[in-house]
Amino acid sequence: MRKLCLLAALTAPVALAQNQVKVDAHNFLKLPSRAGSLSLDQVEVADYATLLIPAGVTELRIGELHMGREARLGIAPSEQEFRLEVQRGEIGTGSNITASGSAGSMSKPASPGRNLNLRLVDVRVSEMTLDVRGGIGAPGYQGLDGADGDAAGCIWGQADRGWDGQPGGDGQAGGAGGQVRLEVPAEFPVELVRVRLEGGAGGAAGEGGAGGHGGSAKGCLVYKADGAADGRAGQPGRAGAAGNSGSLKVIRF
């Protein structure tokens, strides 16, 4: 019963049947996963709240949008362009519409910022940010440490030198910044919209592996066998290249 109550509490704010969504202040809400276009009559994202749009949604039409102070619309990364059309509303100071790329990992490269087509018809804005930066490249792997050399022995004599560490891997490239098309009325104050188009930073260089310890000395009855030198540390890799910057195109109607 408690699980059912919790599920109801999580899904209640997403009243898609009534075409309305409300996210209370300082809360986080993700729309249900779906593909294609979605139309909502009213969306309210209160102060410091976040509404997340799933990757499968490619078009969102909103009749009335209200975003509070430092509210955020987060658009999940995808190779498909995302179109957002808002008929009327108000976007508060410090609010963000974010469609940045995801960071890379050892199994996949950093993704580019999502291409964004944004149309604002009758919307009041006070200092907002559009963020389509590319994802950060994955760091290079650390080189393996060198093996330790064998200690000296009274029978075989000289100790073995430590093995050299392996070089570190190169960082991967950052993702490219996205392409933004901003469609606004002729009198819209574009100077209040900050657009982040930078490519993602390249991944950090991998560190070289440590050199192995040289074999230790050995005191014997007749003579003393000397210890051996440590192996050299591996060279670090190279940092990855930054992704290419995106572009902004403003269309006034």
Protein backbone atom coordinates (compact mmCIF):
# COMPACT_ATOMS: atom_id res chain seq x y z
CA MET A 1 0.00 0.00 0.00
CA ARG A 2 2.87 2.37 0.89
CA LYS A 3 4.49 1.68 -2.51
CA LEU A 4 1.22 2.53 -4.27
CA CYS A 5 0.95 5.79 -2.32
CA LEU A 6 4.52 6.70 -3.23
CA LEU A 7 3.92 5.96 -6.91
CA ALA A 8 0.82 8.14 -6.84
CA ALA A 9 2.77 10.98 -5.24
CA LEU A 10 5.46 10.80 -7.94
CA THR A 11 3.09 10.65 -10.88
CA ALA A 12 0.40 13.02 -9.65
CA PRO A 13 2.16 16.23 -10.78
CA VAL A 14 2.33 14.93 -14.37
CA ALA A 15 -1.30 15.47 -15.26
CA LEU A 16 -0.83 14.75 -18.94
CA ALA A 17 -4.46 13.73 -19.29
CA GLN A 18 -5.33 17.36 -18.50
CA ASN A 19 -2.38 18.64 -20.52
CA GLN A 20 -0.90 20.35 -17.46
CA VAL A 21 2.41 19.89 -15.66
CA LYS A 22 3.51 21.59 -12.44
CA VAL A 23 6.86 21.21 -10.66
CA ASP A 24 7.00 22.69 -7.17
CA ALA A 25 9.92 24.82 -5.97
CA HIS A 26 13.23 22.97 -5.43
CA ASN A 27 11.74 19.74 -6.88
CA PHE A 28 12.70 17.55 -9.83
CA LEU A 29 10.28 15.90 -12.23
CA LYS A 30 10.78 13.80 -15.37
CA LEU A 31 8.06 13.49 -17.97
CA PRO A 32 7.00 9.92 -18.84
CA SER A 33 9.07 8.32 -21.59
CA ARG A 34 7.50 8.58 -25.02
CA ALA A 35 8.52 9.16 -28.62
CA GLY A 36 7.63 11.92 -31.04
CA SER A 37 5.69 15.12 -30.29
CA LEU A 38 3.92 16.21 -27.13
CA SER A 39 1.48 19.09 -26.58
CA LEU A 40 0.77 20.63 -23.17
CA ASP A 41 -1.65 23.44 -22.39
CA GLN A 42 0.18 24.67 -19.32
CA VAL A 43 3.60 24.05 -17.77
CA GLU A 44 4.76 25.62 -14.51
CA VAL A 45 8.30 25.12 -13.21
CA ALA A 46 8.66 26.96 -9.92
CA ASP A 47 11.79 28.59 -8.44
CA TYR A 48 14.88 26.33 -8.51
CA ALA A 49 12.83 23.41 -9.89
CA THR A 50 13.69 21.15 -12.85
CA LEU A 51 11.52 19.52 -15.50
CA LEU A 52 13.34 16.85 -17.53
CA ILE A 53 12.26 16.00 -21.09
CA PRO A 54 13.07 12.38 -22.13
CA ALA A 55 15.32 11.70 -25.13
CA GLY A 56 12.50 10.20 -27.19
CA VAL A 57 10.50 13.45 -27.30
CA THR A 58 11.46 15.41 -30.43
CA GLU A 59 8.87 18.19 -30.27
CA LEU A 60 7.17 19.90 -27.33
CA ARG A 61 4.41 22.46 -27.84
CA ILE A 62 3.40 24.47 -24.78
CA GLY A 63 0.41 26.80 -24.68
CA GLU A 64 1.48 28.64 -21.53
CA LEU A 65 4.87 28.35 -19.81
CA HIS A 66 5.86 29.83 -16.47
CA MET A 67 9.42 29.34 -15.21
CA GLY A 68 10.44 30.79 -11.84
CA ARG A 69 13.80 32.05 -10.69
CA GLU A 70 16.63 29.69 -11.77
CA ALA A 71 14.12 27.12 -12.98
CA ARG A 72 15.32 24.59 -15.53
CA LEU A 73 14.01 22.66 -18.52
CA GLY A 74 16.45 19.81 -19.07
CA ILE A 75 16.33 18.12 -22.48
CA ALA A 76 17.98 14.69 -22.56
CA PRO A 77 20.80 14.13 -25.10
CA SER A 78 19.86 12.64 -28.47
CA GLU A 79 21.03 12.69 -32.07
CA GLN A 80 17.58 13.96 -33.10
CA GLU A 81 16.81 17.67 -33.19
CA PHE A 82 14.47 18.97 -30.50
CA ARG A 83 11.82 21.61 -31.24
CA LEU A 84 10.23 23.64 -28.44
CA GLU A 85 7.38 26.01 -29.21
CA VAL A 86 5.89 28.26 -26.53
CA GLN A 87 2.86 30.42 -27.30
CA ARG A 88 2.86 32.64 -24.21
CA GLY A 89 4.35 32.84 -20.76
CA GLU A 90 7.17 34.18 -18.62
CA ILE A 91 10.70 32.91 -18.01
CA GLY A 92 12.25 34.09 -14.73
CA THR A 93 15.71 35.42 -14.01
CA GLY A 94 18.49 32.85 -14.20
CA SER A 95 16.36 30.16 -15.81
CA ASN A 96 17.94 27.57 -18.11
CA ILE A 97 16.87 25.52 -21.09
CA THR A 98 19.58 22.86 -21.23
CA ALA A 99 20.22 20.41 -24.05
CA SER A 100 23.90 19.71 -23.44
CA GLY A 101 25.67 16.51 -24.45
CA SER A 102 26.59 13.68 -22.09
CA ALA A 103 30.13 13.01 -20.92
CA GLY A 104 32.10 10.25 -22.61
CA SER A 105 33.16 6.99 -21.00
CA MET A 106 35.48 4.11 -21.83
CA SER A 107 32.64 2.45 -23.77
CA LYS A 108 31.20 5.44 -25.67
CA PRO A 109 32.40 8.86 -26.87
CA ALA A 110 31.08 12.15 -25.55
CA SER A 111 27.84 13.16 -27.24
CA PRO A 112 27.30 16.55 -28.93
CA GLY A 113 24.90 19.14 -27.62
CA ARG A 114 21.41 18.51 -28.95
CA ASN A 115 20.33 20.66 -31.87
CA LEU A 116 17.59 22.97 -30.60
CA ASN A 117 14.86 24.78 -32.50
CA LEU A 118 13.13 27.19 -30.10
CA ARG A 119 10.14 29.35 -31.01
CA LEU A 120 8.87 31.89 -28.46
CA VAL A 121 5.73 33.73 -29.55
CA ASP A 122 4.51 35.92 -26.65
CA VAL A 123 6.99 35.20 -23.85
CA ARG A 124 8.51 37.64 -21.36
CA VAL A 125 12.14 36.90 -20.53
CA SER A 126 14.52 38.16 -17.86
CA GLU A 127 18.02 36.80 -18.33
CA MET A 128 17.87 33.18 -19.36
CA THR A 129 20.43 30.70 -20.71
CA LEU A 130 20.25 28.24 -23.59
CA ASP A 131 22.88 25.55 -23.06
CA VAL A 132 23.80 23.17 -25.89
CA ARG A 133 27.43 22.55 -24.95
CA GLY A 134 29.08 19.30 -26.00
CA GLY A 135 29.82 16.59 -23.46
CA ILE A 136 33.25 16.25 -21.85
CA GLY A 137 35.54 13.62 -23.36
CA ALA A 138 36.44 10.52 -21.36
CA PRO A 139 39.82 10.60 -19.61
CA GLY A 140 42.64 8.37 -20.81
CA TYR A 141 43.22 5.15 -18.93
CA GLN A 142 46.08 4.87 -16.46
CA GLY A 143 49.05 2.86 -17.61
CA LEU A 144 49.77 -0.40 -15.83
CA ASP A 145 52.48 -0.39 -13.17
CA GLY A 146 55.71 -2.19 -13.99
CA ALA A 147 56.37 -5.53 -12.31
CA ASP A 148 58.89 -5.73 -9.50
CA GLY A 149 62.27 -7.30 -10.22
CA ASP A 150 63.29 -10.53 -8.50
CA ALA A 151 65.46 -10.20 -5.41
CA ALA A 152 69.09 -11.28 -5.50
CA GLY A 153 69.97 -14.79 -4.36
CA CYS A 154 73.06 -16.43 -3.00
CA ILE A 155 72.94 -19.02 -5.82
CA TRP A 156 71.89 -16.94 -8.82
CA GLY A 157 73.51 -13.69 -7.66
CA GLN A 158 72.38 -10.43 -9.27
CA ALA A 159 68.90 -8.99 -8.65
CA ASP A 160 66.60 -8.08 -11.54
CA ARG A 161 65.81 -4.48 -12.38
CA GLY A 162 62.19 -3.35 -11.95
CA TRP A 163 60.10 -3.28 -15.13
CA ASP A 164 59.10 0.07 -16.61
CA GLY A 165 55.52 1.32 -16.18
CA GLN A 166 53.31 1.41 -19.27
CA PRO A 167 52.34 4.77 -20.84
CA GLY A 168 48.96 6.30 -20.01
CA GLY A 169 46.16 6.42 -22.58
CA ASP A 170 45.13 9.53 -24.50
CA GLY A 171 42.01 11.43 -23.43
CA GLN A 172 39.06 11.24 -25.82
CA ALA A 173 37.70 14.23 -27.74
CA GLY A 174 34.88 16.34 -26.34
CA GLY A 175 31.49 16.46 -28.07
CA ALA A 176 30.59 19.29 -30.45
CA GLY A 177 28.32 22.12 -29.40
CA GLY A 178 24.75 22.01 -30.71
CA GLN A 179 23.05 24.10 -33.38
CA VAL A 180 20.43 26.59 -32.10
CA ARG A 181 17.68 28.20 -34.16
CA LEU A 182 15.86 30.85 -32.12
CA GLU A 183 12.58 32.16 -33.57
CA VAL A 184 11.27 35.26 -31.77
CA PRO A 185 9.12 38.35 -32.46
CA ALA A 186 10.78 41.47 -33.88
CA GLU A 187 10.72 43.27 -30.51
CA PHE A 188 12.04 40.32 -28.46
CA PRO A 189 15.14 41.26 -26.35
CA VAL A 190 17.62 38.70 -27.67
CA GLU A 191 20.38 40.34 -25.62
CA LEU A 192 18.79 38.84 -22.47
CA VAL A 193 19.37 35.31 -23.77
CA ARG A 194 22.80 33.82 -23.13
CA VAL A 195 23.63 30.93 -25.46
CA ARG A 196 26.31 28.35 -24.55
CA LEU A 197 27.59 26.75 -27.76
CA GLU A 198 31.04 25.55 -26.71
CA GLY A 199 32.32 22.12 -27.59
CA GLY A 200 33.04 19.83 -24.66
CA ALA A 201 36.48 19.83 -23.11
CA GLY A 202 38.76 16.98 -24.14
CA GLY A 203 39.36 14.18 -21.70
CA ALA A 204 42.30 14.40 -19.33
CA ALA A 205 45.48 12.52 -20.21
CA GLY A 206 45.94 9.15 -18.54
CA GLU A 207 48.78 8.90 -16.05
CA GLY A 208 51.69 6.62 -16.76
CA GLY A 209 52.10 3.50 -14.65
CA ALA A 210 54.61 3.49 -11.83
CA GLY A 211 57.91 1.72 -12.37
CA GLY A 212 58.40 -1.61 -10.65
CA HIS A 213 60.69 -1.88 -7.64
CA GLY A 214 64.13 -3.28 -8.31
CA GLY A 215 65.05 -6.60 -6.72
CA SER A 216 66.46 -6.25 -3.21
CA ALA A 217 70.04 -6.99 -2.18
CA LYS A 218 70.97 -10.23 -0.48
CA GLY A 219 73.67 -10.82 2.13
CA CYS A 220 75.32 -14.21 1.57
CA LEU A 221 77.97 -16.20 3.40
CA VAL A 222 80.71 -15.62 0.87
CA TYR A 223 79.60 -12.41 -0.85
CA LYS A 224 76.83 -9.83 -0.95
CA ALA A 225 74.55 -9.63 -4.01
CA ASP A 226 73.61 -6.02 -4.87
CA GLY A 227 70.04 -4.84 -5.34
CA ALA A 228 68.78 -3.64 -8.75
CA ALA A 229 67.41 -0.27 -9.87
CA ASP A 230 63.70 0.55 -10.00
CA GLY A 231 61.95 0.64 -13.36
CA ARG A 232 61.03 3.97 -14.98
CA ALA A 233 57.54 5.43 -14.66
CA GLY A 234 55.46 5.34 -17.85
CA GLN A 235 54.88 8.50 -19.86
CA PRO A 236 51.46 10.20 -19.49
CA GLY A 237 49.10 10.18 -22.46
CA ARG A 238 47.90 13.24 -24.32
CA ALA A 239 44.83 15.29 -23.41
CA GLY A 240 41.87 14.91 -25.77
CA ALA A 241 40.87 17.64 -28.20
CA ALA A 242 37.99 19.98 -27.39
CA GLY A 243 34.83 19.57 -29.44
CA ASN A 244 33.88 22.09 -32.13
CA SER A 245 31.64 24.99 -31.16
CA GLY A 246 28.02 25.05 -32.26
CA SER A 247 26.14 27.89 -33.92
CA LEU A 248 23.23 30.27 -33.30
CA LYS A 249 20.74 31.52 -35.85
CA VAL A 250 18.11 34.10 -34.83
CA ILE A 251 14.94 34.38 -36.90
CA ARG A 252 12.57 37.29 -36.20
CA PHE A 253 8.93 37.19 -37.23
